[in-house]
């Protein structure tokens, strides 16, 4: 179970006891953990001792505690906060929590504050390509529509973008077919680009595997084999200039070409794309290792600033490869009972079987309601979940007969641009935090 951690700070110990007693009895208490302080020294020491992963989701504190904490670096810690107010404070109303209210009202306000969008961590280890995966627990949630719009908006903003569809059954082709056929790339090369890249990556991995077997058979020749492999790796890097995305032990020859040999330009989408695989069996047989190698190659080739991954809604190895390798996730859910239930079931299964993976994914995830219609009608499946953004329902898309119609809705484009702002703002904050500042600004 995901538990929200809240730090509560007040001089009034009776007030703190009332809070803690109520939370312990409340049905929401199992989803929330309160840590209370009444002295500055204990509170300050506790906050200083927390590393990035242990920081609370929310700080609720009286002014005499909150203001010194903000001045001493708390403002840049990434922790959301509320001022516990008695009504005479200058803070905006959205940042104030009136101290004397019924405890159920106070607890609900805290729970809602924990649901507000926050900066997500993007552990990219200095890479220049940001990979964004669009995923969902339900089919038909609009992953491809959102992925294509993200690619187009980022392309229009001046970013170099690659769109990669990893669905078992590709649904992007009807919207991209005209642009595919208008490409200057020879049709035979365009249609086989992704298939050839997957084959080349597998062939390279088999060569590495064969080299390892030779080492195991001949302990005496271990040193000569390793030296030979290193020499070939360096030669391959010089000849292709596009191999840095693979793990070091997977680079042994120069067979993989530059990424331009596999992709094609789609002018309507303002992005590079792969022609969808003609043989579905190739996609069904993609292992987690295949997916990891593919993503690492595309991230490491140095040609793109953003990689959009259009994911599947399943538990196959291809999906696991996406979950383990993407920098950020846009998790789509529709406002209907079945979709909310599947969302909760997916998280419950992941908590039971892959808790470490789930925690890592949630740190990098933005939850987005797609086909939103003025208000949220269905309850979120768990109290610790939140909504970061919404995308509107477009009735005219039910009668689509041209690819340009889906890619040209002004209302949808406006909301996707706002979502891009949210993602890029988080990425910019992460780079500033780690000292990797953008040399130029693309997004106006």
Protein backbone atom coordinates (compact mmCIF):
# COMPACT_ATOMS: atom_id res chain seq x y z
CA UNK A 1 0.00 0.00 0.00
CA UNK A 2 1.21 3.52 -0.84
CA UNK A 3 1.19 5.67 2.32
CA UNK A 4 1.27 9.47 2.19
CA UNK A 5 3.62 10.99 4.74
CA UNK A 6 2.58 14.31 6.33
CA UNK A 7 4.58 16.36 8.84
CA UNK A 8 2.45 18.43 11.25
CA UNK A 9 4.06 21.18 13.37
CA UNK A 10 2.39 23.25 16.10
CA UNK A 11 3.27 24.60 19.56
CA UNK A 12 -0.09 23.33 20.84
CA UNK A 13 0.47 19.73 21.95
CA UNK A 14 -3.23 19.18 22.68
CA UNK A 15 -4.00 20.24 19.10
CA UNK A 16 -1.47 17.74 17.78
CA UNK A 17 -2.91 14.94 19.95
CA UNK A 18 -6.41 15.65 18.64
CA UNK A 19 -5.14 15.36 15.06
CA UNK A 20 -3.28 12.12 15.67
CA UNK A 21 -6.12 10.50 17.60
CA UNK A 22 -8.59 11.32 14.84
CA UNK A 23 -6.31 10.06 12.06
CA UNK A 24 -5.77 6.80 13.91
CA UNK A 25 -9.53 6.21 14.11
CA UNK A 26 -10.29 7.42 10.59
CA UNK A 27 -10.73 5.06 7.66
CA UNK A 28 -8.25 7.23 5.76
CA UNK A 29 -5.62 6.65 8.41
CA UNK A 30 -4.30 3.52 6.70
CA UNK A 31 -3.29 5.65 3.69
CA UNK A 32 -1.69 8.48 5.67
CA UNK A 33 1.14 8.68 8.17
CA UNK A 34 1.37 11.80 10.35
CA UNK A 35 4.57 12.83 12.12
CA UNK A 36 4.03 15.66 14.62
CA UNK A 37 6.47 18.13 16.22
CA UNK A 38 6.01 20.92 18.77
CA UNK A 39 9.64 22.13 18.97
CA UNK A 40 11.74 23.75 16.24
CA UNK A 41 14.92 21.81 16.99
CA UNK A 42 13.30 18.39 16.66
CA UNK A 43 11.37 19.41 13.53
CA UNK A 44 14.41 20.99 11.85
CA UNK A 45 16.66 18.03 12.61
CA UNK A 46 14.10 15.58 11.27
CA UNK A 47 13.72 17.43 7.95
CA UNK A 48 17.49 17.71 7.51
CA UNK A 49 17.93 13.99 8.09
CA UNK A 50 15.48 12.94 5.34
CA UNK A 51 17.04 12.03 2.02
CA UNK A 52 15.25 12.69 -1.25
CA UNK A 53 13.24 9.45 -1.14
CA UNK A 54 12.12 9.87 2.47
CA UNK A 55 10.85 13.44 2.25
CA UNK A 56 7.17 13.86 3.20
CA UNK A 57 4.52 14.58 0.61
CA UNK A 58 3.25 17.54 2.66
CA UNK A 59 4.28 19.85 5.50
CA UNK A 60 1.53 21.53 7.57
CA UNK A 61 3.03 24.04 10.00
CA UNK A 62 2.36 27.21 11.96
CA UNK A 63 4.12 30.38 10.71
CA UNK A 64 6.86 30.34 13.36
CA UNK A 65 7.98 26.95 12.04
CA UNK A 66 7.13 27.22 8.35
CA UNK A 67 8.79 30.57 7.59
CA UNK A 68 12.27 29.67 8.97
CA UNK A 69 12.11 26.31 7.20
CA UNK A 70 11.31 27.99 3.87
CA UNK A 71 14.13 30.50 4.33
CA UNK A 72 16.62 27.73 5.14
CA UNK A 73 16.17 25.83 1.89
CA UNK A 74 12.74 24.29 2.35
CA UNK A 75 11.33 26.29 -0.56
CA UNK A 76 13.59 24.33 -2.95
CA UNK A 77 13.14 20.91 -1.33
CA UNK A 78 10.21 19.85 -3.53
CA UNK A 79 7.96 19.31 -0.48
CA UNK A 80 4.45 20.78 -0.73
CA UNK A 81 3.32 22.82 2.27
CA UNK A 82 0.31 24.44 3.93
CA UNK A 83 0.41 27.25 6.46
CA UNK A 84 -1.58 26.39 9.58
CA UNK A 85 -3.32 29.74 9.91
CA UNK A 86 -5.52 31.59 12.36
CA UNK A 87 -6.61 34.10 9.72
CA UNK A 88 -4.13 36.99 9.83
CA UNK A 89 -1.53 35.68 7.38
CA UNK A 90 -0.57 37.11 4.01
CA UNK A 91 -0.11 33.79 2.23
CA UNK A 92 -2.45 33.01 -0.72
CA UNK A 93 -5.64 31.24 0.25
CA UNK A 94 -4.56 28.10 -1.62
CA UNK A 95 -1.54 27.79 0.71
CA UNK A 96 -3.46 28.40 3.96
CA UNK A 97 -5.23 25.84 6.11
CA UNK A 98 -7.45 27.43 8.75
CA UNK A 99 -6.36 25.92 12.03
CA UNK A 100 -9.69 25.61 13.83
CA UNK A 101 -12.08 23.55 11.71
CA UNK A 102 -13.74 20.16 12.19
CA UNK A 103 -11.11 17.45 12.01
CA UNK A 104 -12.78 15.67 9.04
CA UNK A 105 -12.56 18.93 7.07
CA UNK A 106 -8.92 19.40 8.03
CA UNK A 107 -8.03 15.83 7.04
CA UNK A 108 -9.79 16.14 3.68
CA UNK A 109 -7.90 19.39 2.97
CA UNK A 110 -4.61 17.64 3.74
CA UNK A 111 -5.51 14.69 1.51
CA UNK A 112 -6.39 17.03 -1.38
CA UNK A 113 -3.14 18.96 -0.92
CA UNK A 114 -1.22 15.69 -1.22
CA UNK A 115 -2.95 15.09 -4.55
CA UNK A 116 -1.78 18.38 -6.08
CA UNK A 117 0.68 18.10 -8.97
CA UNK A 118 4.29 18.05 -7.81
CA UNK A 119 7.61 17.90 -9.59
CA UNK A 120 8.50 14.32 -10.45
CA UNK A 121 12.01 12.99 -10.28
CA UNK A 122 13.64 12.14 -13.60
CA UNK A 123 16.76 10.07 -12.89
CA UNK A 124 18.39 10.42 -16.31
CA UNK A 125 22.07 10.25 -15.31
CA UNK A 126 23.09 13.18 -17.49
CA UNK A 127 21.46 11.95 -20.70
CA UNK A 128 20.35 14.55 -23.23
CA UNK A 129 17.24 12.70 -24.48
CA UNK A 130 14.07 12.77 -22.37
CA UNK A 131 11.96 9.62 -22.86
CA UNK A 132 8.24 10.01 -22.10
CA UNK A 133 6.05 6.89 -22.05
CA UNK A 134 2.27 7.15 -22.43
CA UNK A 135 0.72 4.18 -20.61
CA UNK A 136 -2.56 3.00 -19.13
CA UNK A 137 -4.11 0.06 -17.32
CA UNK A 138 -6.97 0.00 -19.87
CA UNK A 139 -7.15 -0.34 -23.61
CA UNK A 140 -9.00 2.41 -25.48
CA UNK A 141 -7.88 5.15 -23.11
CA UNK A 142 -6.42 7.30 -25.90
CA UNK A 143 -2.70 6.52 -25.57
CA UNK A 144 -1.98 6.85 -29.28
CA UNK A 145 -3.99 10.06 -29.66
CA UNK A 146 -2.17 11.68 -26.74
CA UNK A 147 1.23 10.36 -27.85
CA UNK A 148 0.81 11.77 -31.36
CA UNK A 149 -0.31 15.15 -30.03
CA UNK A 150 2.64 15.28 -27.63
CA UNK A 151 5.03 14.55 -30.50
CA UNK A 152 3.45 17.20 -32.70
CA UNK A 153 3.35 19.94 -30.06
CA UNK A 154 6.95 19.33 -29.02
CA UNK A 155 8.00 19.23 -32.67
CA UNK A 156 6.24 22.54 -33.34
CA UNK A 157 8.05 24.00 -30.33
CA UNK A 158 11.39 23.25 -31.95
CA UNK A 159 12.36 20.02 -30.21
CA UNK A 160 13.81 17.12 -32.16
CA UNK A 161 11.31 14.33 -31.49
CA UNK A 162 11.03 10.62 -32.26
CA UNK A 163 7.68 8.83 -31.90
CA UNK A 164 7.83 5.07 -31.25
CA UNK A 165 4.69 2.94 -31.13
CA UNK A 166 5.14 -0.19 -28.98
CA UNK A 167 1.53 -1.41 -28.99
CA UNK A 168 0.88 -5.04 -29.82
CA UNK A 169 -1.63 -3.85 -32.42
CA UNK A 170 -0.44 -0.51 -33.78
CA UNK A 171 -3.28 2.03 -33.96
CA UNK A 172 -1.29 5.00 -35.29
CA UNK A 173 -1.11 3.96 -38.95
CA UNK A 174 -4.53 5.32 -40.06
CA UNK A 175 -3.55 8.78 -38.82
CA UNK A 176 -0.01 8.72 -40.21
CA UNK A 177 -0.38 6.77 -43.47
CA UNK A 178 -0.57 9.80 -45.77
CA UNK A 179 2.57 11.29 -44.24
CA UNK A 180 4.32 7.92 -44.46
CA UNK A 181 3.71 7.71 -48.19
CA UNK A 182 4.79 11.31 -48.78
CA UNK A 183 8.25 10.61 -47.37
CA UNK A 184 11.28 10.82 -49.66
CA UNK A 185 12.72 7.60 -48.22
CA UNK A 186 12.47 4.56 -50.56
CA UNK A 187 9.38 2.57 -49.63
CA UNK A 188 11.28 -0.69 -49.03
CA UNK A 189 13.65 1.04 -46.57
CA UNK A 190 10.84 2.93 -44.83
CA UNK A 191 8.61 -0.11 -44.30
CA UNK A 192 11.39 -2.25 -42.83
CA UNK A 193 13.17 0.32 -40.65
CA UNK A 194 12.05 -0.88 -37.21
CA UNK A 195 12.31 -4.54 -38.20
CA UNK A 196 15.91 -4.05 -39.40
CA UNK A 197 16.89 -2.17 -36.25
CA UNK A 198 15.46 -4.88 -33.98
CA UNK A 199 17.32 -7.53 -36.00
CA UNK A 200 20.60 -5.59 -35.86
CA UNK A 201 20.31 -5.14 -32.10
CA UNK A 202 19.62 -8.85 -31.61
CA UNK A 203 22.49 -9.82 -33.88
CA UNK A 204 24.86 -7.67 -31.88
CA UNK A 205 23.68 -9.20 -28.64
CA UNK A 206 24.21 -12.72 -30.04
CA UNK A 207 27.78 -11.82 -30.92
CA UNK A 208 28.40 -10.65 -27.37
CA UNK A 209 26.88 -13.86 -26.04
CA UNK A 210 29.13 -15.92 -28.32
CA UNK A 211 32.18 -14.01 -27.12
CA UNK A 212 31.31 -14.73 -23.53
CA UNK A 213 31.00 -18.45 -24.26
CA UNK A 214 34.51 -18.48 -25.68
CA UNK A 215 35.80 -16.83 -22.54
CA UNK A 216 34.12 -19.44 -20.36
CA UNK A 217 35.56 -22.31 -22.40
CA UNK A 218 39.09 -20.96 -22.37
CA UNK A 219 40.22 -19.42 -19.12
CA UNK A 220 43.72 -19.08 -20.58
CA UNK A 221 42.45 -16.92 -23.45
CA UNK A 222 40.32 -14.63 -21.27
CA UNK A 223 42.61 -11.62 -21.55
CA UNK A 224 43.00 -11.80 -25.33
CA UNK A 225 39.26 -12.14 -25.87
CA UNK A 226 38.50 -9.10 -23.72
CA UNK A 227 41.09 -6.98 -25.50
CA UNK A 228 39.69 -7.96 -28.89
CA UNK A 229 36.15 -7.10 -27.86
CA UNK A 230 37.22 -3.69 -26.57
CA UNK A 231 39.08 -2.91 -29.78
CA UNK A 232 36.08 -3.79 -31.94
CA UNK A 233 33.80 -1.73 -29.70
CA UNK A 234 35.89 1.38 -30.20
CA UNK A 235 36.04 0.81 -33.95
CA UNK A 236 32.25 0.42 -34.05
CA UNK A 237 31.73 3.69 -32.22
CA UNK A 238 33.91 5.57 -34.67
CA UNK A 239 32.27 4.03 -37.73
CA UNK A 240 28.62 4.51 -36.76
CA UNK A 241 28.57 7.38 -34.28
CA UNK A 242 25.28 5.97 -33.01
CA UNK A 243 26.01 3.17 -30.60
CA UNK A 244 26.41 4.95 -27.28
CA UNK A 245 22.90 4.08 -26.13
CA UNK A 246 23.67 0.38 -25.74
CA UNK A 247 25.25 -1.11 -22.63
CA UNK A 248 29.04 -1.21 -22.87
CA UNK A 249 29.10 -5.01 -23.00
CA UNK A 250 26.70 -5.01 -25.97
CA UNK A 251 28.86 -2.91 -28.33
CA UNK A 252 31.24 -5.20 -30.19
CA UNK A 253 30.92 -4.47 -33.92
CA UNK A 254 29.95 -1.66 -36.26
CA UNK A 255 26.91 -3.38 -37.84
CA UNK A 256 24.27 -1.06 -36.36
CA UNK A 257 23.87 1.94 -38.63
CA UNK A 258 23.13 5.53 -37.67
CA UNK A 259 19.52 6.03 -36.59
CA UNK A 260 18.69 7.91 -39.82
CA UNK A 261 18.92 4.59 -41.67
CA UNK A 262 15.92 3.21 -39.77
CA UNK A 263 13.56 6.17 -39.20
CA UNK A 264 11.65 8.49 -41.51
CA UNK A 265 10.41 12.06 -41.23
CA UNK A 266 6.68 12.72 -40.85
CA UNK A 267 6.00 16.35 -41.73
CA UNK A 268 2.45 16.51 -40.34
CA UNK A 269 3.62 15.14 -37.01
CA UNK A 270 6.78 17.33 -37.04
CA UNK A 271 8.67 14.28 -35.77
CA UNK A 272 10.63 11.26 -36.89
CA UNK A 273 8.75 7.96 -36.82
CA UNK A 274 9.11 4.26 -37.59
CA UNK A 275 6.84 2.62 -40.15
CA UNK A 276 4.76 0.14 -38.08
CA UNK A 277 5.91 -3.49 -38.14
CA UNK A 278 4.16 -5.48 -40.84
CA UNK A 279 4.58 -8.74 -38.94
CA UNK A 280 2.81 -8.60 -35.55
CA UNK A 281 4.80 -11.64 -34.48
CA UNK A 282 7.91 -9.47 -34.24
CA UNK A 283 6.22 -7.22 -31.70
CA UNK A 284 4.76 -10.14 -29.76
CA UNK A 285 8.19 -11.73 -29.48
CA UNK A 286 9.94 -8.60 -28.19
CA UNK A 287 11.52 -9.41 -24.83
CA UNK A 288 12.33 -6.99 -22.04
CA UNK A 289 15.96 -7.08 -23.18
CA UNK A 290 14.94 -6.29 -26.78
CA UNK A 291 12.89 -3.33 -25.56
CA UNK A 292 15.64 -2.10 -23.27
CA UNK A 293 18.24 -2.27 -26.05
CA UNK A 294 15.93 -0.42 -28.43
CA UNK A 295 15.15 2.41 -26.01
CA UNK A 296 18.79 2.77 -24.96
CA UNK A 297 19.93 2.92 -28.56
CA UNK A 298 17.38 5.64 -29.43
CA UNK A 299 18.20 7.63 -26.29
CA UNK A 300 21.94 7.28 -26.82
CA UNK A 301 22.09 7.99 -30.57
CA UNK A 302 22.30 11.73 -29.89
CA UNK A 303 19.72 12.73 -32.53
CA UNK A 304 16.69 13.48 -30.36
CA UNK A 305 15.77 15.67 -27.44
CA UNK A 306 12.49 13.83 -26.76
CA UNK A 307 11.50 10.21 -27.31
CA UNK A 308 7.74 9.53 -27.12
CA UNK A 309 6.94 5.89 -26.26
CA UNK A 310 3.38 4.84 -27.07
CA UNK A 311 3.03 1.91 -24.68
CA UNK A 312 0.68 -1.04 -24.32
CA UNK A 313 -1.72 -1.84 -21.49
CA UNK A 314 -0.47 -5.21 -20.32
CA UNK A 315 2.08 -7.12 -18.28
CA UNK A 316 4.19 -8.51 -21.11
CA UNK A 317 7.98 -8.16 -21.20
CA UNK A 318 7.78 -5.30 -23.70
CA UNK A 319 5.72 -3.28 -21.22
CA UNK A 320 8.17 -4.08 -18.43
CA UNK A 321 11.00 -2.80 -20.60
CA UNK A 322 9.15 0.50 -21.04
CA UNK A 323 8.39 0.79 -17.32
CA UNK A 324 12.01 0.20 -16.38
CA UNK A 325 13.61 2.52 -18.93
CA UNK A 326 11.38 5.58 -19.52
CA UNK A 327 12.25 8.82 -17.74
CA UNK A 328 8.65 10.02 -17.30
CA UNK A 329 5.19 8.50 -17.60
CA UNK A 330 1.86 9.95 -18.61
CA UNK A 331 -0.68 7.54 -17.14
CA UNK A 332 -4.04 7.88 -18.89
CA UNK A 333 -7.36 6.91 -17.38
CA UNK A 334 -10.92 7.53 -18.56
CA UNK A 335 -13.63 8.72 -16.20
CA UNK A 336 -15.68 5.53 -16.12
CA UNK A 337 -16.19 2.88 -13.47
CA UNK A 338 -14.40 0.05 -15.28
CA UNK A 339 -11.32 2.16 -16.05
CA UNK A 340 -11.05 3.35 -12.44
CA UNK A 341 -11.38 -0.25 -11.24
CA UNK A 342 -8.66 -1.47 -13.62
CA UNK A 343 -6.40 1.37 -12.48
CA UNK A 344 -6.75 0.28 -8.87
CA UNK A 345 -6.31 -3.39 -9.74
CA UNK A 346 -3.13 -2.68 -11.70
CA UNK A 347 -1.61 -0.81 -8.76
CA UNK A 348 -2.68 -3.51 -6.30
CA UNK A 349 -1.08 -6.23 -8.44
CA UNK A 350 2.12 -4.19 -8.87
CA UNK A 351 2.35 -3.58 -5.10
CA UNK A 352 2.06 -7.29 -4.48
CA UNK A 353 4.48 -8.49 -7.17
CA UNK A 354 6.86 -5.60 -8.00
CA UNK A 355 6.77 -3.03 -5.15
CA UNK A 356 10.19 -1.54 -5.91
CA UNK A 357 9.36 -1.11 -9.59
CA UNK A 358 6.02 0.50 -8.72
CA UNK A 359 7.60 3.01 -6.36
CA UNK A 360 10.12 4.02 -9.01
CA UNK A 361 7.40 4.40 -11.66
CA UNK A 362 5.09 6.47 -9.45
CA UNK A 363 7.88 8.94 -8.70
CA UNK A 364 8.00 9.73 -12.42
CA UNK A 365 4.29 9.54 -13.27
CA UNK A 366 1.69 12.19 -14.13
CA UNK A 367 -1.88 10.89 -13.88
CA UNK A 368 -4.10 12.36 -16.60
CA UNK A 369 -7.86 12.00 -17.11
CA UNK A 370 -8.59 11.71 -20.83
CA UNK A 371 -11.96 12.56 -22.42
CA UNK A 372 -12.76 14.77 -19.42
CA UNK A 373 -16.26 16.33 -19.40
CA UNK A 374 -16.44 19.32 -17.01
CA UNK A 375 -16.24 17.31 -13.77
CA UNK A 376 -14.95 14.01 -12.46
CA UNK A 377 -17.95 11.69 -12.03
CA UNK A 378 -16.25 8.57 -10.67
CA UNK A 379 -14.18 8.35 -7.51
CA UNK A 380 -10.50 7.57 -7.78
CA UNK A 381 -9.88 3.94 -6.77
CA UNK A 382 -7.67 4.84 -3.79
CA UNK A 383 -7.32 7.76 -1.41
CA UNK A 384 -3.59 8.16 -2.12
CA UNK A 385 -4.11 8.75 -5.87
CA UNK A 386 -4.32 12.15 -7.51
CA UNK A 387 -4.99 13.77 -10.88
CA UNK A 388 -2.28 16.00 -12.37
CA UNK A 389 -4.05 17.09 -15.55
CA UNK A 390 -7.13 16.53 -17.70
CA UNK A 391 -7.59 16.36 -21.48
CA UNK A 392 -10.98 17.22 -23.05
CA UNK A 393 -13.50 15.00 -24.80
CA UNK A 394 -13.69 15.91 -28.52
CA UNK A 395 -17.07 14.70 -29.94
CA UNK A 396 -16.07 15.31 -33.57
CA UNK A 397 -13.40 12.61 -33.36
CA UNK A 398 -16.12 9.95 -33.37
CA UNK A 399 -16.58 10.62 -37.11
CA UNK A 400 -12.93 10.82 -38.15
CA UNK A 401 -12.19 10.23 -41.82
CA UNK A 402 -8.95 12.20 -42.25
CA UNK A 403 -5.71 12.08 -40.30
CA UNK A 404 -5.44 15.90 -40.22
CA UNK A 405 -8.69 16.20 -38.24
CA UNK A 406 -7.40 14.26 -35.24
CA UNK A 407 -4.07 16.10 -35.23
CA UNK A 408 -5.58 19.58 -35.61
CA UNK A 409 -8.14 20.09 -32.83
CA UNK A 410 -7.37 23.56 -31.34
CA UNK A 411 -8.94 22.69 -27.97
CA UNK A 412 -7.03 19.45 -27.58
CA UNK A 413 -3.79 21.04 -28.81
CA UNK A 414 -4.11 23.78 -26.20
CA UNK A 415 -4.48 21.29 -23.34
CA UNK A 416 -1.66 19.09 -24.62
CA UNK A 417 0.58 22.16 -24.81
CA UNK A 418 -0.22 22.83 -21.14
CA UNK A 419 0.69 19.20 -20.36
CA UNK A 420 3.99 19.68 -22.23
CA UNK A 421 4.64 22.78 -20.13
CA UNK A 422 4.09 20.70 -16.99
CA UNK A 423 6.48 17.97 -18.12
CA UNK A 424 9.19 20.31 -19.33
CA UNK A 425 8.96 22.49 -16.23
CA UNK A 426 9.59 19.40 -14.12
CA UNK A 427 12.50 18.42 -16.36
CA UNK A 428 13.96 21.93 -16.15
CA UNK A 429 13.71 21.90 -12.36
CA UNK A 430 15.47 18.52 -12.28
CA UNK A 431 18.28 19.80 -14.48
CA UNK A 432 18.71 22.88 -12.36
CA UNK A 433 18.80 20.72 -9.26
CA UNK A 434 21.54 18.55 -10.74
CA UNK A 435 23.42 21.43 -12.41
CA UNK A 436 22.41 20.51 -15.98
CA UNK A 437 20.96 23.83 -17.20
CA UNK A 438 19.45 24.16 -20.66
CA UNK A 439 21.66 26.20 -22.96
CA UNK A 440 18.58 27.55 -24.71
CA UNK A 441 14.81 27.71 -24.24
CA UNK A 442 12.56 26.09 -26.85
CA UNK A 443 9.16 26.53 -25.29
CA UNK A 444 7.64 30.03 -25.32
